[in-house]
Amino acid sequence: MKLTLQLQLLPTPEQKTALLKTMEAFNAAASHAAALGFEQKYFGQNNLHKIAYRELRDRFGLSAQMAVRAIGKAVECFQRDKNKCPAFKPRGAITYDQRIMAFKGLTEVSLLVLGGRLLIPFVCGEYQKALQGRIKGQADLVYRDKKFFLLCTIDVQENPPIGIKESLGVDLGIVRLATDSTGESFTGAKVEEIRQRYARRRRVLNKVGTKSARRRLSKIRPRSRRIGILAARPCGVSGTYSSNVRSGTLEHRPTRNSCETWPGSTARHSSRPRLPEGG
């Protein structure tokens, strides 16, 4: 079984600038390789390598392995759809492999950029630290919310399924988020209060419509999205969920927001607890 570990990089301002320049050059090279392959109908790694490799190195200043990885990014898109030429965002992900990436202990990683190698510290949780020794193969460098993350793949041995001896029934609702078969209820009154406060703030900012209001909205949206996840997490259950809680019925306006942001819609993905290794 393959899992993904997320490591947050802590680059200096100079290292951040170098990483962003490398990311922009890499994605521009991948888009150019995709355009060459789409024009000449070359969709495989070998054929596209022959016509794009030297030009990518000379034009974008990429190292040998980075040019190969940029071509590989274009080829992966062609494997999904050969009828459309892909164009990558300037700050899209970079694929690193063992030739251009090396871990130095448990707190630093060496990454190749346009000007050479950078030794960058990173941080992660205790769960990720326990599994760092299993990191193998490629990793993706992503830039999200003005932060750099390294997404690494690890192999974990799959344990045989555990036989179920007892079960717990859970009924999900709006007023009471969950009620189990033992009679215990989870109301989530505090969470509902926070959700309503965020809804009022979004409504006011949308009405203002200025540039600063839109910038503030972009910061509020991920926070308010996490409210439903936090509401479902205390239940700690997974099971069968009703698919017709939000039917075509027109809700009364005061309760419309509660119905549309019902935490049960996220409980399917968020209420399953993370199992420890070997669990």
Protein backbone atom coordinates (compact mmCIF):
# COMPACT_ATOMS: atom_id res chain seq x y z
CA MET A 1 0.00 0.00 0.00
CA LYS A 2 1.33 3.44 -0.97
CA LEU A 3 0.95 6.49 1.27
CA THR A 4 1.96 10.12 0.81
CA LEU A 5 3.96 12.04 3.40
CA GLN A 6 3.76 15.83 3.39
CA LEU A 7 6.90 17.68 4.49
CA GLN A 8 6.88 21.48 4.79
CA LEU A 9 10.05 23.16 3.57
CA LEU A 10 11.50 26.18 5.39
CA PRO A 11 13.61 27.97 2.76
CA THR A 12 15.35 31.30 3.26
CA PRO A 13 14.17 34.25 1.10
CA GLU A 14 17.02 33.59 -1.34
CA GLN A 15 16.20 29.88 -1.51
CA LYS A 16 12.51 30.65 -2.02
CA THR A 17 13.35 32.88 -4.98
CA ALA A 18 15.51 30.13 -6.50
CA LEU A 19 12.77 27.53 -6.01
CA LEU A 20 10.15 29.74 -7.66
CA LYS A 21 12.41 30.47 -10.65
CA THR A 22 13.10 26.75 -11.04
CA MET A 23 9.40 25.95 -10.78
CA GLU A 24 8.48 28.50 -13.45
CA ALA A 25 11.23 27.31 -15.81
CA PHE A 26 10.30 23.65 -15.29
CA ASN A 27 6.61 24.19 -16.05
CA ALA A 28 7.38 26.39 -19.04
CA ALA A 29 9.62 23.60 -20.36
CA ALA A 30 6.91 20.99 -19.75
CA SER A 31 4.35 23.13 -21.62
CA HIS A 32 6.80 23.59 -24.52
CA ALA A 33 7.52 19.86 -24.68
CA ALA A 34 3.78 19.15 -24.70
CA ALA A 35 3.29 21.62 -27.57
CA LEU A 36 6.06 19.97 -29.60
CA GLY A 37 4.66 16.52 -29.00
CA PHE A 38 1.10 17.56 -29.80
CA GLU A 39 2.18 19.25 -33.03
CA GLN A 40 4.13 16.22 -34.29
CA LYS A 41 1.85 13.60 -32.69
CA TYR A 42 4.62 12.22 -30.48
CA PHE A 43 3.04 11.12 -27.21
CA GLY A 44 5.58 8.64 -25.84
CA GLN A 45 8.59 9.32 -23.63
CA ASN A 46 11.21 8.12 -26.13
CA ASN A 47 9.87 9.92 -29.21
CA LEU A 48 9.22 13.17 -27.35
CA HIS A 49 12.66 12.98 -25.74
CA LYS A 50 14.34 12.91 -29.17
CA ILE A 51 12.73 16.14 -30.37
CA ALA A 52 12.51 18.14 -27.12
CA TYR A 53 15.42 17.23 -24.82
CA ARG A 54 18.18 19.39 -26.29
CA GLU A 55 15.89 22.39 -26.82
CA LEU A 56 14.64 22.26 -23.23
CA ARG A 57 18.17 22.26 -21.88
CA ASP A 58 19.36 25.13 -24.08
CA ARG A 59 16.26 27.30 -23.92
CA PHE A 60 15.19 26.92 -20.28
CA GLY A 61 18.52 26.13 -18.62
CA LEU A 62 17.37 22.85 -17.09
CA SER A 63 19.73 20.11 -15.99
CA ALA A 64 19.69 16.78 -17.80
CA GLN A 65 17.42 15.00 -15.33
CA MET A 66 15.10 17.99 -14.91
CA ALA A 67 14.59 18.07 -18.68
CA VAL A 68 13.70 14.37 -18.57
CA ARG A 69 11.22 14.98 -15.76
CA ALA A 70 9.64 17.92 -17.65
CA ILE A 71 9.13 15.67 -20.67
CA GLY A 72 7.70 13.01 -18.36
CA LYS A 73 5.15 15.49 -17.01
CA ALA A 74 3.90 16.17 -20.53
CA VAL A 75 3.79 12.46 -21.36
CA GLU A 76 1.67 11.72 -18.28
CA CYS A 77 -0.93 14.21 -19.51
CA PHE A 78 -0.94 12.66 -22.98
CA GLN A 79 -1.62 9.27 -21.42
CA ARG A 80 -4.92 10.65 -20.15
CA ASP A 81 -5.96 12.59 -23.27
CA LYS A 82 -4.19 12.81 -26.62
CA ASN A 83 -6.78 15.13 -28.13
CA LYS A 84 -5.84 18.19 -26.09
CA CYS A 85 -2.49 19.93 -25.68
CA PRO A 86 -1.80 20.52 -21.97
CA ALA A 87 -0.50 23.85 -20.64
CA PHE A 88 0.87 23.91 -17.11
CA LYS A 89 0.58 26.71 -14.59
CA PRO A 90 3.83 28.63 -13.96
CA ARG A 91 3.95 27.43 -10.37
CA GLY A 92 2.75 23.89 -10.85
CA ALA A 93 4.38 20.91 -9.19
CA ILE A 94 7.94 19.74 -9.94
CA THR A 95 8.72 16.04 -9.93
CA TYR A 96 11.95 15.18 -8.11
CA ASP A 97 13.60 11.77 -8.17
CA GLN A 98 16.65 10.29 -6.44
CA ARG A 99 19.05 11.85 -8.99
CA ILE A 100 18.10 15.43 -8.13
CA MET A 101 16.92 15.03 -4.53
CA ALA A 102 18.61 13.60 -1.43
CA PHE A 103 17.65 13.63 2.24
CA LYS A 104 20.35 14.73 4.67
CA GLY A 105 19.27 13.27 7.97
CA LEU A 106 15.76 13.78 9.33
CA THR A 107 15.58 17.57 9.07
CA GLU A 108 17.13 18.64 5.73
CA VAL A 109 16.75 17.81 2.05
CA SER A 110 19.00 18.64 -0.89
CA LEU A 111 17.13 19.82 -4.00
CA LEU A 112 18.53 20.70 -7.42
CA VAL A 113 17.56 24.13 -8.80
CA LEU A 114 18.72 26.17 -11.79
CA GLY A 115 21.83 27.46 -10.04
CA GLY A 116 22.88 24.24 -8.33
CA ARG A 117 21.83 22.37 -5.21
CA LEU A 118 20.13 23.85 -2.16
CA LEU A 119 20.14 22.37 1.34
CA ILE A 120 16.72 23.23 2.76
CA PRO A 121 15.39 22.39 6.25
CA PHE A 122 11.91 20.93 6.62
CA VAL A 123 9.43 20.16 9.39
CA CYS A 124 6.83 17.44 9.78
CA GLY A 125 4.73 15.75 12.44
CA GLU A 126 5.66 12.80 14.59
CA TYR A 127 3.66 10.47 12.35
CA GLN A 128 5.70 11.53 9.30
CA LYS A 129 9.00 11.31 11.20
CA ALA A 130 8.34 7.67 12.08
CA LEU A 131 7.92 6.81 8.38
CA GLN A 132 10.71 8.89 6.81
CA GLY A 133 12.96 5.87 6.49
CA ARG A 134 10.52 4.33 3.99
CA ILE A 135 10.56 7.18 1.48
CA LYS A 136 11.36 5.79 -1.97
CA GLY A 137 11.17 6.95 -5.56
CA GLN A 138 9.81 10.28 -6.70
CA ALA A 139 8.49 13.26 -4.76
CA ASP A 140 6.48 16.29 -5.84
CA LEU A 141 7.45 19.82 -4.87
CA VAL A 142 4.30 21.95 -4.63
CA TYR A 143 3.75 25.63 -3.82
CA ARG A 144 0.53 26.20 -1.91
CA ASP A 145 -0.59 29.20 0.15
CA LYS A 146 2.88 30.77 -0.27
CA LYS A 147 4.51 27.70 1.29
CA PHE A 148 6.55 24.87 -0.19
CA PHE A 149 5.64 21.25 0.49
CA LEU A 150 7.41 18.06 -0.55
CA LEU A 151 4.98 15.19 -1.14
CA CYS A 152 6.85 11.89 -0.78
CA THR A 153 5.66 8.37 -1.50
CA ILE A 154 6.23 5.49 0.90
CA ASP A 155 5.39 1.78 0.80
CA VAL A 156 3.60 0.35 3.82
CA GLN A 157 2.85 -3.32 4.20
CA GLU A 158 -0.86 -3.98 4.13
CA ASN A 159 -2.14 -5.96 7.09
CA PRO A 160 -4.91 -8.55 6.75
CA PRO A 161 -8.39 -7.14 7.41
CA ILE A 162 -9.59 -7.23 10.99
CA GLY A 163 -12.69 -9.32 11.66
CA ILE A 164 -15.62 -7.23 12.85
CA LYS A 165 -17.26 -8.54 16.02
CA GLU A 166 -19.34 -5.53 17.01
CA SER A 167 -20.92 -2.66 15.12
CA LEU A 168 -22.26 0.78 16.00
CA GLY A 169 -25.12 2.43 14.15
CA VAL A 170 -24.94 6.18 13.58
CA ASP A 171 -27.72 8.51 12.44
CA LEU A 172 -26.55 11.86 11.03
CA GLY A 173 -28.66 14.99 11.26
CA ILE A 174 -28.57 18.78 11.22
CA VAL A 175 -29.56 19.76 14.76
CA ARG A 176 -27.79 16.74 16.25
CA LEU A 177 -24.81 16.00 14.07
CA ALA A 178 -24.71 12.34 15.07
CA THR A 179 -26.65 9.98 17.33
CA ASP A 180 -25.31 6.46 17.79
CA SER A 181 -27.19 3.28 18.62
CA THR A 182 -26.20 3.57 22.29
CA GLY A 183 -28.15 6.83 22.59
CA GLU A 184 -25.18 9.20 22.75
CA SER A 185 -25.63 12.43 20.76
CA PHE A 186 -23.23 15.01 19.38
CA THR A 187 -24.90 18.40 18.94
CA GLY A 188 -22.08 20.57 17.64
CA ALA A 189 -23.69 23.77 18.93
CA LYS A 190 -20.35 25.56 19.21
CA VAL A 191 -19.37 24.52 15.70
CA GLU A 192 -22.70 25.77 14.33
CA GLU A 193 -22.13 29.14 15.98
CA ILE A 194 -18.72 29.46 14.30
CA ARG A 195 -20.13 28.42 10.92
CA GLN A 196 -22.86 31.05 11.13
CA ARG A 197 -20.31 33.71 12.04
CA TYR A 198 -18.20 32.85 9.01
CA ALA A 199 -21.33 32.87 6.82
CA ARG A 200 -22.14 36.42 7.95
CA ARG A 201 -18.59 37.58 7.27
CA ARG A 202 -18.59 36.05 3.78
CA ARG A 203 -21.94 37.69 3.02
CA VAL A 204 -20.66 41.13 4.04
CA LEU A 205 -17.38 40.77 2.12
CA ASN A 206 -19.18 39.59 -1.01
CA LYS A 207 -21.40 42.64 -0.83
CA VAL A 208 -18.41 44.98 -0.48
CA GLY A 209 -16.66 43.51 -3.53
CA THR A 210 -13.38 45.41 -3.25
CA LYS A 211 -9.96 43.93 -3.94
CA SER A 212 -9.11 43.77 -0.23
CA ALA A 213 -12.48 42.12 0.46
CA ARG A 214 -11.81 39.43 -2.15
CA ARG A 215 -8.37 38.88 -0.66
CA ARG A 216 -9.94 38.49 2.77
CA LEU A 217 -12.49 36.06 1.34
CA SER A 218 -9.71 33.85 -0.04
CA LYS A 219 -8.34 33.56 3.51
CA ILE A 220 -11.71 32.86 5.09
CA ARG A 221 -12.87 30.15 2.67
CA PRO A 222 -10.40 27.41 3.72
CA ARG A 223 -11.07 28.15 7.39
CA SER A 224 -14.83 27.90 7.02
CA ARG A 225 -14.41 24.74 4.90
CA ARG A 226 -12.55 23.09 7.76
CA ILE A 227 -15.42 23.76 10.15
CA GLY A 228 -17.48 20.91 8.69
CA ILE A 229 -14.51 18.56 8.93
CA LEU A 230 -13.95 19.46 12.58
CA ALA A 231 -17.65 18.98 13.25
CA ALA A 232 -17.61 15.44 11.88
CA ARG A 233 -14.30 14.37 13.40
CA PRO A 234 -15.47 13.98 17.03
CA CYS A 235 -17.87 11.26 15.89
CA GLY A 236 -14.93 9.10 14.81
CA VAL A 237 -17.08 6.74 12.76
CA SER A 238 -17.37 5.58 9.19
CA GLY A 239 -20.24 3.78 7.58
CA THR A 240 -23.17 4.22 5.22
CA TYR A 241 -24.45 7.73 4.72
CA SER A 242 -27.76 8.84 3.33
CA SER A 243 -27.56 10.38 -0.13
CA ASN A 244 -30.85 12.28 -0.02
CA VAL A 245 -30.33 14.53 3.00
CA ARG A 246 -30.12 17.49 0.64
CA SER A 247 -33.05 16.80 -1.66
CA GLY A 248 -34.71 19.15 -4.09
CA THR A 249 -36.89 20.63 -1.35
CA LEU A 250 -36.61 24.41 -1.01
CA GLU A 251 -35.42 25.19 2.50
CA HIS A 252 -36.64 28.13 4.54
CA ARG A 253 -34.14 31.00 4.17
CA PRO A 254 -32.95 31.09 7.83
CA THR A 255 -32.09 27.37 7.66
CA ARG A 256 -30.79 27.33 4.08
CA ASN A 257 -27.17 27.89 5.09
CA SER A 258 -27.35 25.09 7.67
CA CYS A 259 -28.64 22.68 5.06
CA GLU A 260 -26.16 23.68 2.36
CA THR A 261 -23.15 23.49 4.71
CA TRP A 262 -24.27 20.32 6.48
CA PRO A 263 -21.18 18.64 8.05
CA GLY A 264 -22.49 15.19 7.11
CA SER A 265 -21.46 15.83 3.52
CA THR A 266 -17.81 15.88 4.63
CA ALA A 267 -18.16 13.16 7.26
CA ARG A 268 -17.80 10.46 4.61
CA HIS A 269 -14.18 11.51 4.05
CA SER A 270 -13.15 13.09 7.32
CA SER A 271 -14.68 10.97 10.06
CA ARG A 272 -12.53 7.93 9.34
CA PRO A 273 -9.68 8.08 11.85
CA ARG A 274 -6.07 7.64 10.72
CA LEU A 275 -4.89 4.19 11.59
CA PRO A 276 -1.44 3.86 13.15
CA GLU A 277 1.17 1.72 11.50
CA GLY A 278 0.20 -1.89 11.88
CA GLY A 279 -3.34 -0.94 12.94
